[in-house]
Amino acid sequence: MAAAIIVDCLTVWLAIGVIVGVTFLFLGIGRIDPAARGSYAFRPLLLPGLVLLWPFVAFRWFVLSR
């Protein structure tokens, strides 16, 4: 029972992370870091970190977009 809850929580965490990460790579990275506007080759390399750290990315993106 406890293992199923942990797996479900991890699945939800990763699903939200993928959504936030992909959205950030397409819409937000150019606003946060102007040097990243023309460099599309390194963006897929950022996705694993964005998926795991999505609350920090979302918070930073929200704060800097104001």
Foldseek 3Di string as FASTA:
>chain_A
DVVVVVVVVVVVLLVVLQVLLVCCLVPNPCQVDVVCPPDPPCSVVCSVVSSNPVVVVVVVSVVSVD
